[in-house]
Amino acid sequence: MIYVFEGGRNSGKTFLSDYVSKTFGVHKFKFDFVNYFKELNLVSEGSKETHLFAMGKELMLMQLSRDLGIEDFILDRGIITVFSWALLEKRISEEEAKSQIKFICKNNLLNGISIIYIEGKNPNKSSRNKDNWDHFDFGSEESKWCDFVINEFENNGFKILYFRNNFTVKDLENIEFVFGSLKE
């Protein structure tokens, strides 16, 4: 099973996925998109090539999970991010996103994958300096596209689990419970 932690920027998904990884002894993987983006001279806005690059990784992971039933691991960001950022940065149209999401669902590429969507905004942004997009404040635009993508997946029969992160100690207990119930 692949457990994908998704969510908007600064929602705490990396912190929570690190915590769950350590607590449950499940390996965690974060695709090094930022460095590939730089080294391959990819373009962000309006670049279908950048979208196809990101989709290639996602399709491979989904097919591996579906066809081989690979060992459990946690993925920090995945298919929701690929589509929401493709829409946010005008790499693809809404119709292209709908068509590609329908293709993914129709071909059972989400078998063996659970997506946990982290909602919340970290009140402490002082530690934020992670990548090329930190200087942008996409806020409601990113949320709008994440909601659009999630709705499309759910309209095609794939259920996404929501987790509200309030950035309290209680959230760590809650994410343990949620993740533990997924592993059962």
Protein backbone atom coordinates (compact mmCIF):
# COMPACT_ATOMS: atom_id res chain seq x y z
CA MET A 1 0.00 0.00 0.00
CA ILE A 2 1.14 3.51 -0.79
CA TYR A 3 -0.05 6.09 1.72
CA VAL A 4 0.05 9.49 0.05
CA PHE A 5 0.08 12.57 2.27
CA GLU A 6 -1.35 15.46 0.30
CA GLY A 7 -2.35 19.00 1.15
CA GLY A 8 -1.69 22.61 0.42
CA ARG A 9 1.62 24.29 1.09
CA ASN A 10 2.31 24.80 4.78
CA SER A 11 -0.45 22.40 5.90
CA GLY A 12 1.92 20.22 7.94
CA LYS A 13 1.84 17.20 5.62
CA THR A 14 5.62 16.70 5.69
CA PHE A 15 5.77 16.95 9.48
CA LEU A 16 2.83 14.56 9.92
CA SER A 17 4.12 12.08 7.33
CA ASP A 18 7.56 12.11 9.03
CA TYR A 19 5.87 11.49 12.37
CA VAL A 20 3.76 8.61 11.04
CA SER A 21 6.76 7.11 9.26
CA LYS A 22 8.80 7.04 12.48
CA THR A 23 5.91 5.96 14.71
CA PHE A 24 4.82 3.04 12.52
CA GLY A 25 8.22 2.14 11.06
CA VAL A 26 6.97 2.65 7.49
CA HIS A 27 9.46 3.94 4.93
CA LYS A 28 8.84 7.39 3.52
CA PHE A 29 9.67 8.66 0.06
CA LYS A 30 9.64 12.21 -1.27
CA PHE A 31 10.33 12.57 -4.98
CA ASP A 32 13.07 15.14 -5.51
CA PHE A 33 10.98 17.20 -7.92
CA VAL A 34 12.63 20.52 -7.04
CA ASN A 35 16.12 19.34 -7.99
CA TYR A 36 14.94 17.55 -11.14
CA PHE A 37 12.99 20.67 -12.05
CA LYS A 38 16.17 22.75 -11.81
CA GLU A 39 18.59 20.26 -13.39
CA LEU A 40 16.31 19.43 -16.31
CA ASN A 41 15.53 23.11 -16.91
CA LEU A 42 11.80 22.53 -16.64
CA VAL A 43 9.48 25.50 -16.90
CA SER A 44 6.72 25.99 -14.37
CA GLU A 45 3.95 28.07 -15.88
CA GLY A 46 2.24 26.86 -19.03
CA SER A 47 4.54 23.86 -19.53
CA LYS A 48 2.79 20.65 -20.57
CA GLU A 49 6.24 18.99 -20.51
CA THR A 50 6.54 19.69 -16.78
CA HIS A 51 3.10 18.17 -16.21
CA LEU A 52 3.99 15.08 -18.25
CA PHE A 53 7.26 14.70 -16.32
CA ALA A 54 5.36 14.76 -13.01
CA MET A 55 2.66 12.43 -14.37
CA GLY A 56 5.27 9.89 -15.49
CA LYS A 57 6.40 9.37 -11.92
CA GLU A 58 2.83 9.10 -10.65
CA LEU A 59 1.72 6.65 -13.34
CA MET A 60 4.71 4.42 -12.68
CA LEU A 61 4.06 4.36 -8.92
CA MET A 62 0.37 3.68 -9.41
CA GLN A 63 1.02 0.85 -11.85
CA LEU A 64 3.66 -0.68 -9.57
CA SER A 65 1.20 -0.59 -6.69
CA ARG A 66 -1.65 -2.00 -8.77
CA ASP A 67 0.34 -4.72 -10.54
CA LEU A 68 2.95 -5.74 -7.96
CA GLY A 69 1.39 -4.85 -4.61
CA ILE A 70 4.62 -3.23 -3.47
CA GLU A 71 5.68 -2.98 0.18
CA ASP A 72 4.00 -0.29 2.27
CA PHE A 73 5.50 3.16 2.13
CA ILE A 74 4.50 6.78 2.70
CA LEU A 75 4.69 9.28 -0.13
CA ASP A 76 4.96 13.00 0.60
CA ARG A 77 2.87 14.61 -2.18
CA GLY A 78 1.48 12.75 -5.15
CA ILE A 79 -1.24 12.81 -7.77
CA ILE A 80 -3.40 15.53 -6.16
CA THR A 81 -0.41 17.87 -6.19
CA VAL A 82 0.48 16.97 -9.77
CA PHE A 83 -2.98 17.92 -11.02
CA SER A 84 -3.64 20.91 -8.77
CA TRP A 85 -0.31 22.53 -9.65
CA ALA A 86 -0.76 21.70 -13.34
CA LEU A 87 -4.03 23.63 -13.19
CA LEU A 88 -2.67 26.38 -10.98
CA GLU A 89 0.23 27.03 -13.33
CA LYS A 90 -1.82 26.49 -16.50
CA ARG A 91 0.13 23.45 -17.65
CA ILE A 92 -3.15 21.72 -18.60
CA SER A 93 -6.80 22.69 -18.96
CA GLU A 94 -9.66 21.62 -16.70
CA GLU A 95 -10.89 19.29 -19.47
CA GLU A 96 -7.46 17.67 -19.77
CA ALA A 97 -7.36 17.16 -15.99
CA LYS A 98 -10.85 15.61 -15.99
CA SER A 99 -9.91 13.28 -18.84
CA GLN A 100 -6.64 12.18 -17.22
CA ILE A 101 -8.30 11.62 -13.82
CA LYS A 102 -11.03 9.55 -15.49
CA PHE A 103 -8.32 7.49 -17.24
CA ILE A 104 -6.53 6.85 -13.93
CA CYS A 105 -9.71 5.74 -12.18
CA LYS A 106 -11.02 3.68 -15.13
CA ASN A 107 -7.74 1.75 -15.26
CA ASN A 108 -7.77 1.03 -11.51
CA LEU A 109 -4.43 2.78 -11.08
CA LEU A 110 -5.39 3.83 -7.56
CA ASN A 111 -5.66 0.25 -6.32
CA GLY A 112 -3.30 -0.13 -3.39
CA ILE A 113 -3.18 3.62 -2.73
CA SER A 114 -4.68 5.62 0.13
CA ILE A 115 -4.63 9.40 0.03
CA ILE A 116 -4.73 11.41 3.24
CA TYR A 117 -5.44 15.05 2.49
CA ILE A 118 -4.11 17.34 5.23
CA GLU A 119 -6.07 20.53 5.78
CA GLY A 120 -4.69 23.39 7.86
CA LYS A 121 -2.33 26.34 7.85
CA ASN A 122 0.78 26.40 10.00
CA PRO A 123 0.70 29.58 12.08
CA ASN A 124 4.53 29.53 12.26
CA LYS A 125 5.97 30.23 8.82
CA SER A 126 9.46 31.02 10.10
CA SER A 127 10.81 27.58 9.19
CA ARG A 128 9.48 27.80 5.65
CA ASN A 129 12.19 27.83 2.99
CA LYS A 130 11.89 24.59 1.14
CA ASP A 131 11.75 25.17 -2.60
CA ASN A 132 11.36 27.34 -5.71
CA TRP A 133 7.76 28.28 -4.93
CA ASP A 134 8.14 29.57 -1.35
CA HIS A 135 8.06 33.19 -2.45
CA PHE A 136 4.60 32.72 -4.02
CA ASP A 137 1.45 33.00 -1.97
CA PHE A 138 -1.06 30.93 -3.90
CA GLY A 139 -3.33 30.41 -0.86
CA SER A 140 -6.92 30.27 -2.07
CA GLU A 141 -5.94 29.51 -5.68
CA GLU A 142 -4.09 26.36 -4.61
CA SER A 143 -7.04 25.34 -2.42
CA LYS A 144 -9.47 25.94 -5.28
CA TRP A 145 -7.56 23.62 -7.59
CA CYS A 146 -7.00 20.97 -4.91
CA ASP A 147 -10.76 20.95 -4.28
CA PHE A 148 -11.42 20.66 -8.02
CA VAL A 149 -9.02 17.70 -8.37
CA ILE A 150 -10.34 15.93 -5.28
CA ASN A 151 -13.92 16.35 -6.51
CA GLU A 152 -12.97 14.84 -9.86
CA PHE A 153 -11.36 11.80 -8.20
CA GLU A 154 -14.36 11.36 -5.92
CA ASN A 155 -16.78 11.77 -8.87
CA ASN A 156 -14.89 8.89 -10.49
CA GLY A 157 -15.31 6.65 -7.44
CA PHE A 158 -12.06 7.19 -5.48
CA LYS A 159 -12.45 8.22 -1.84
CA ILE A 160 -9.94 10.57 -0.23
CA LEU A 161 -9.52 10.76 3.53
CA TYR A 162 -9.44 14.25 5.04
CA PHE A 163 -7.43 15.13 8.14
CA ARG A 164 -7.73 18.50 9.87
CA ASN A 165 -4.36 19.64 11.24
CA ASN A 166 -4.73 22.26 13.97
CA PHE A 167 -1.01 22.10 14.83
CA THR A 168 -1.58 20.76 18.33
CA VAL A 169 -0.16 17.76 20.17
CA LYS A 170 -3.61 16.13 19.93
CA ASP A 171 -3.22 16.06 16.14
CA LEU A 172 -0.34 13.61 16.53
CA GLU A 173 -2.59 11.21 18.44
CA ASN A 174 -5.31 11.69 15.85
CA ILE A 175 -3.04 11.00 12.88
CA GLU A 176 -1.77 7.85 14.63
CA PHE A 177 -5.35 6.66 14.98
CA VAL A 178 -6.22 7.48 11.36
CA PHE A 179 -3.10 5.84 9.95
CA GLY A 180 -3.45 2.81 12.23
CA SER A 181 -7.03 2.27 11.01
CA LEU A 182 -5.85 2.45 7.38
CA LYS A 183 -3.19 -0.21 8.01
CA GLU A 184 -5.72 -2.66 9.46
